[in-house]
Amino acid sequence: MVERLSSGEATAGELGERVPVAQPGVSRHLAVLRDAGIVDVRSEGRRRLYTLRPESMTELEGWLEERRRMWTQRLGALHTEIVRGKRARRSES
């Protein structure tokens, strides 16, 4: 849905056509995206049009980068410990 919204606004029905989820699930998903500030919604007659908030993607990118740095550091430390353990086992033999 987010990918579809990156190319322009759409109704819940249009978004639902792209995913294998029943309409109530689509509505719940859109509510979560709206509550998280990822999409905006506006009424046009009886239709509700959803639009992606590009600034939310920038915020998400920052959050993901923090996690990427954290996991890179942690996995690097794990690698170091594995190498130390292998060296210790070789020196014991």
N, C-alpha and C. Protein backbone atom coordinates (compact mmCIF):
# COMPACT_ATOMS: atom_id res chain seq x y z
N MET A 1 0.82 -1.19 0.00
CA MET A 1 0.00 0.00 0.00
C MET A 1 0.86 1.25 0.00
N VAL A 2 1.90 1.24 0.82
CA VAL A 2 2.79 2.40 0.87
C VAL A 2 3.46 2.61 -0.48
N GLU A 3 3.88 1.52 -1.09
CA GLU A 3 4.52 1.63 -2.41
C GLU A 3 3.54 2.23 -3.42
N ARG A 4 2.31 1.77 -3.40
CA ARG A 4 1.30 2.31 -4.32
C ARG A 4 1.08 3.80 -4.06
N LEU A 5 1.01 4.18 -2.79
CA LEU A 5 0.78 5.58 -2.45
C LEU A 5 1.96 6.48 -2.83
N SER A 6 3.12 5.88 -3.02
CA SER A 6 4.27 6.69 -3.42
C SER A 6 4.09 7.26 -4.83
N SER A 7 3.18 6.69 -5.60
CA SER A 7 2.93 7.21 -6.94
C SER A 7 1.70 8.11 -7.00
N GLY A 8 1.05 8.35 -5.86
CA GLY A 8 -0.10 9.26 -5.83
C GLY A 8 -1.20 8.76 -4.93
N GLU A 9 -2.17 9.64 -4.68
CA GLU A 9 -3.25 9.29 -3.76
C GLU A 9 -4.13 8.19 -4.33
N ALA A 10 -4.83 7.52 -3.41
CA ALA A 10 -5.71 6.41 -3.82
C ALA A 10 -6.77 6.20 -2.75
N THR A 11 -7.85 5.56 -3.15
CA THR A 11 -8.90 5.20 -2.20
C THR A 11 -8.54 3.87 -1.55
N ALA A 12 -9.23 3.55 -0.46
CA ALA A 12 -9.00 2.27 0.21
C ALA A 12 -9.29 1.11 -0.74
N GLY A 13 -10.32 1.26 -1.55
CA GLY A 13 -10.66 0.21 -2.52
C GLY A 13 -9.55 -0.03 -3.52
N GLU A 14 -8.98 1.06 -4.02
CA GLU A 14 -7.87 0.93 -4.98
C GLU A 14 -6.66 0.28 -4.33
N LEU A 15 -6.41 0.64 -3.09
CA LEU A 15 -5.28 0.04 -2.38
C LEU A 15 -5.54 -1.43 -2.09
N GLY A 16 -6.77 -1.75 -1.75
CA GLY A 16 -7.14 -3.13 -1.43
C GLY A 16 -7.02 -4.07 -2.61
N GLU A 17 -7.15 -3.53 -3.82
CA GLU A 17 -7.02 -4.36 -5.02
C GLU A 17 -5.60 -4.90 -5.19
N ARG A 18 -4.64 -4.27 -4.55
CA ARG A 18 -3.23 -4.63 -4.73
C ARG A 18 -2.71 -5.61 -3.69
N VAL A 19 -3.51 -5.91 -2.68
CA VAL A 19 -3.05 -6.80 -1.61
C VAL A 19 -4.05 -7.91 -1.37
N PRO A 20 -3.57 -9.09 -0.96
CA PRO A 20 -4.48 -10.21 -0.71
C PRO A 20 -5.08 -10.15 0.70
N VAL A 21 -5.77 -9.04 0.99
CA VAL A 21 -6.36 -8.82 2.32
C VAL A 21 -7.80 -8.38 2.11
N ALA A 22 -8.70 -8.85 2.98
CA ALA A 22 -10.10 -8.44 2.90
C ALA A 22 -10.22 -6.96 3.25
N GLN A 23 -11.28 -6.32 2.80
CA GLN A 23 -11.47 -4.88 2.99
C GLN A 23 -11.37 -4.43 4.46
N PRO A 24 -11.92 -5.18 5.44
CA PRO A 24 -11.74 -4.74 6.82
C PRO A 24 -10.26 -4.68 7.24
N GLY A 25 -9.47 -5.62 6.74
CA GLY A 25 -8.04 -5.62 7.02
C GLY A 25 -7.34 -4.43 6.38
N VAL A 26 -7.76 -4.09 5.17
CA VAL A 26 -7.20 -2.92 4.48
C VAL A 26 -7.51 -1.67 5.29
N SER A 27 -8.74 -1.55 5.76
CA SER A 27 -9.13 -0.38 6.55
C SER A 27 -8.34 -0.29 7.84
N ARG A 28 -8.13 -1.42 8.51
CA ARG A 28 -7.33 -1.43 9.75
C ARG A 28 -5.89 -1.03 9.45
N HIS A 29 -5.35 -1.55 8.37
CA HIS A 29 -3.98 -1.22 8.00
C HIS A 29 -3.84 0.28 7.72
N LEU A 30 -4.79 0.83 6.99
CA LEU A 30 -4.76 2.26 6.70
C LEU A 30 -4.91 3.09 7.97
N ALA A 31 -5.72 2.62 8.91
CA ALA A 31 -5.87 3.33 10.18
C ALA A 31 -4.54 3.36 10.94
N VAL A 32 -3.83 2.24 10.92
CA VAL A 32 -2.52 2.19 11.59
C VAL A 32 -1.55 3.14 10.90
N LEU A 33 -1.52 3.14 9.58
CA LEU A 33 -0.64 4.04 8.83
C LEU A 33 -0.99 5.50 9.11
N ARG A 34 -2.27 5.78 9.21
CA ARG A 34 -2.72 7.15 9.51
C ARG A 34 -2.32 7.54 10.93
N ASP A 35 -2.56 6.66 11.89
CA ASP A 35 -2.21 6.94 13.29
C ASP A 35 -0.70 7.11 13.48
N ALA A 36 0.08 6.41 12.65
CA ALA A 36 1.54 6.51 12.73
C ALA A 36 2.07 7.74 11.99
N GLY A 37 1.18 8.45 11.30
CA GLY A 37 1.60 9.65 10.58
C GLY A 37 2.23 9.37 9.24
N ILE A 38 2.04 8.17 8.72
CA ILE A 38 2.65 7.79 7.45
C ILE A 38 1.77 8.22 6.27
N VAL A 39 0.45 8.23 6.48
CA VAL A 39 -0.46 8.68 5.43
C VAL A 39 -1.41 9.75 5.98
N ASP A 40 -1.89 10.57 5.07
CA ASP A 40 -2.96 11.53 5.36
C ASP A 40 -4.19 11.05 4.63
N VAL A 41 -5.36 11.46 5.12
CA VAL A 41 -6.61 11.11 4.45
C VAL A 41 -7.46 12.37 4.33
N ARG A 42 -8.13 12.47 3.18
CA ARG A 42 -9.04 13.59 2.98
C ARG A 42 -10.31 13.06 2.32
N SER A 43 -11.40 13.73 2.59
CA SER A 43 -12.68 13.32 2.00
C SER A 43 -12.93 14.13 0.73
N GLU A 44 -13.44 13.42 -0.25
CA GLU A 44 -13.87 14.04 -1.50
C GLU A 44 -15.22 13.42 -1.83
N GLY A 45 -16.26 14.12 -1.46
CA GLY A 45 -17.60 13.54 -1.58
C GLY A 45 -17.71 12.35 -0.64
N ARG A 46 -18.07 11.20 -1.16
CA ARG A 46 -18.19 9.99 -0.34
C ARG A 46 -16.89 9.20 -0.28
N ARG A 47 -15.90 9.61 -1.05
CA ARG A 47 -14.63 8.88 -1.10
C ARG A 47 -13.64 9.46 -0.08
N ARG A 48 -12.81 8.57 0.42
CA ARG A 48 -11.71 8.99 1.29
C ARG A 48 -10.42 8.69 0.52
N LEU A 49 -9.64 9.71 0.30
CA LEU A 49 -8.41 9.57 -0.48
C LEU A 49 -7.21 9.60 0.46
N TYR A 50 -6.35 8.61 0.30
CA TYR A 50 -5.16 8.47 1.14
C TYR A 50 -3.95 8.95 0.35
N THR A 51 -3.06 9.66 1.06
CA THR A 51 -1.85 10.20 0.47
C THR A 51 -0.68 9.89 1.38
N LEU A 52 0.42 9.50 0.78
CA LEU A 52 1.64 9.23 1.54
C LEU A 52 2.24 10.55 2.01
N ARG A 53 2.71 10.59 3.25
CA ARG A 53 3.41 11.76 3.78
C ARG A 53 4.91 11.51 3.58
N PRO A 54 5.53 12.12 2.57
CA PRO A 54 6.94 11.85 2.27
C PRO A 54 7.87 12.10 3.45
N GLU A 55 7.56 13.09 4.27
CA GLU A 55 8.43 13.37 5.42
C GLU A 55 8.45 12.21 6.41
N SER A 56 7.41 11.42 6.43
CA SER A 56 7.40 10.25 7.33
C SER A 56 8.41 9.21 6.87
N MET A 57 8.66 9.14 5.55
CA MET A 57 9.65 8.20 5.03
C MET A 57 11.06 8.64 5.44
N THR A 58 11.28 9.94 5.51
CA THR A 58 12.57 10.46 5.97
C THR A 58 12.78 10.08 7.43
N GLU A 59 11.75 10.23 8.24
CA GLU A 59 11.83 9.84 9.65
C GLU A 59 12.10 8.35 9.77
N LEU A 60 11.40 7.55 8.97
CA LEU A 60 11.59 6.11 8.99
C LEU A 60 13.01 5.74 8.56
N GLU A 61 13.52 6.43 7.55
CA GLU A 61 14.87 6.16 7.08
C GLU A 61 15.89 6.42 8.20
N GLY A 62 15.69 7.50 8.95
CA GLY A 62 16.57 7.79 10.08
C GLY A 62 16.51 6.71 11.13
N TRP A 63 15.30 6.25 11.44
CA TRP A 63 15.12 5.20 12.44
C TRP A 63 15.81 3.92 11.99
N LEU A 64 15.62 3.57 10.71
CA LEU A 64 16.24 2.36 10.17
C LEU A 64 17.76 2.46 10.18
N GLU A 65 18.29 3.63 9.87
CA GLU A 65 19.74 3.82 9.87
C GLU A 65 20.32 3.62 11.27
N GLU A 66 19.62 4.12 12.29
CA GLU A 66 20.07 3.90 13.67
C GLU A 66 20.12 2.41 13.99
N ARG A 67 19.10 1.67 13.59
CA ARG A 67 19.06 0.22 13.83
C ARG A 67 20.16 -0.48 13.05
N ARG A 68 20.39 -0.05 11.82
CA ARG A 68 21.43 -0.65 10.99
C ARG A 68 22.80 -0.47 11.64
N ARG A 69 23.08 0.73 12.14
CA ARG A 69 24.36 0.98 12.82
C ARG A 69 24.49 0.12 14.07
N MET A 70 23.41 0.03 14.86
CA MET A 70 23.43 -0.75 16.08
C MET A 70 23.73 -2.22 15.77
N TRP A 71 23.01 -2.79 14.78
CA TRP A 71 23.21 -4.20 14.46
C TRP A 71 24.56 -4.45 13.81
N THR A 72 25.06 -3.51 13.04
CA THR A 72 26.39 -3.66 12.46
C THR A 72 27.42 -3.75 13.57
N GLN A 73 27.29 -2.87 14.56
CA GLN A 73 28.22 -2.89 15.70
C GLN A 73 28.10 -4.20 16.48
N ARG A 74 26.87 -4.60 16.76
CA ARG A 74 26.67 -5.83 17.54
C ARG A 74 27.16 -7.06 16.79
N LEU A 75 26.88 -7.12 15.49
CA LEU A 75 27.33 -8.28 14.72
C LEU A 75 28.85 -8.28 14.57
N GLY A 76 29.44 -7.10 14.48
CA GLY A 76 30.90 -7.01 14.45
C GLY A 76 31.51 -7.53 15.74
N ALA A 77 30.90 -7.16 16.88
CA ALA A 77 31.38 -7.65 18.17
C ALA A 77 31.21 -9.16 18.28
N LEU A 78 30.10 -9.69 17.78
CA LEU A 78 29.89 -11.13 17.80
C LEU A 78 30.94 -11.83 16.95
N HIS A 79 31.23 -11.29 15.78
CA HIS A 79 32.26 -11.86 14.92
C HIS A 79 33.61 -11.91 15.64
N THR A 80 33.95 -10.82 16.32
CA THR A 80 35.21 -10.76 17.07
C THR A 80 35.26 -11.85 18.13
N GLU A 81 34.17 -12.06 18.84
CA GLU A 81 34.13 -13.09 19.89
C GLU A 81 34.25 -14.49 19.29
N ILE A 82 33.64 -14.71 18.15
CA ILE A 82 33.73 -16.01 17.49
C ILE A 82 35.17 -16.29 17.09
N VAL A 83 35.83 -15.29 16.51
CA VAL A 83 37.23 -15.45 16.10
C VAL A 83 38.09 -15.73 17.33
N ARG A 84 37.88 -15.00 18.42
CA ARG A 84 38.64 -15.23 19.65
C ARG A 84 38.44 -16.66 20.16
N GLY A 85 37.19 -17.12 20.10
CA GLY A 85 36.90 -18.48 20.57
C GLY A 85 37.60 -19.52 19.72
N LYS A 86 37.62 -19.32 18.41
CA LYS A 86 38.31 -20.28 17.53
C LYS A 86 39.81 -20.29 17.81
N ARG A 87 40.38 -19.09 18.00
CA ARG A 87 41.82 -19.03 18.32
C ARG A 87 42.12 -19.72 19.64
N ALA A 88 41.27 -19.52 20.63
CA ALA A 88 41.47 -20.13 21.94
C ALA A 88 41.40 -21.66 21.83
N ARG A 89 40.46 -22.17 21.04
CA ARG A 89 40.35 -23.62 20.89
C ARG A 89 41.57 -24.19 20.17
N ARG A 90 42.08 -23.47 19.17
CA ARG A 90 43.28 -23.93 18.46
C ARG A 90 44.51 -23.94 19.37
N SER A 91 44.61 -22.94 20.21
CA SER A 91 45.79 -22.87 21.09
C SER A 91 45.72 -23.92 22.20
N GLU A 92 44.52 -24.40 22.53
CA GLU A 92 44.37 -25.45 23.54
C GLU A 92 44.72 -26.81 22.98
N SER A 93 44.64 -26.97 21.68
CA SER A 93 44.89 -28.28 21.04
C SER A 93 46.34 -28.64 20.99
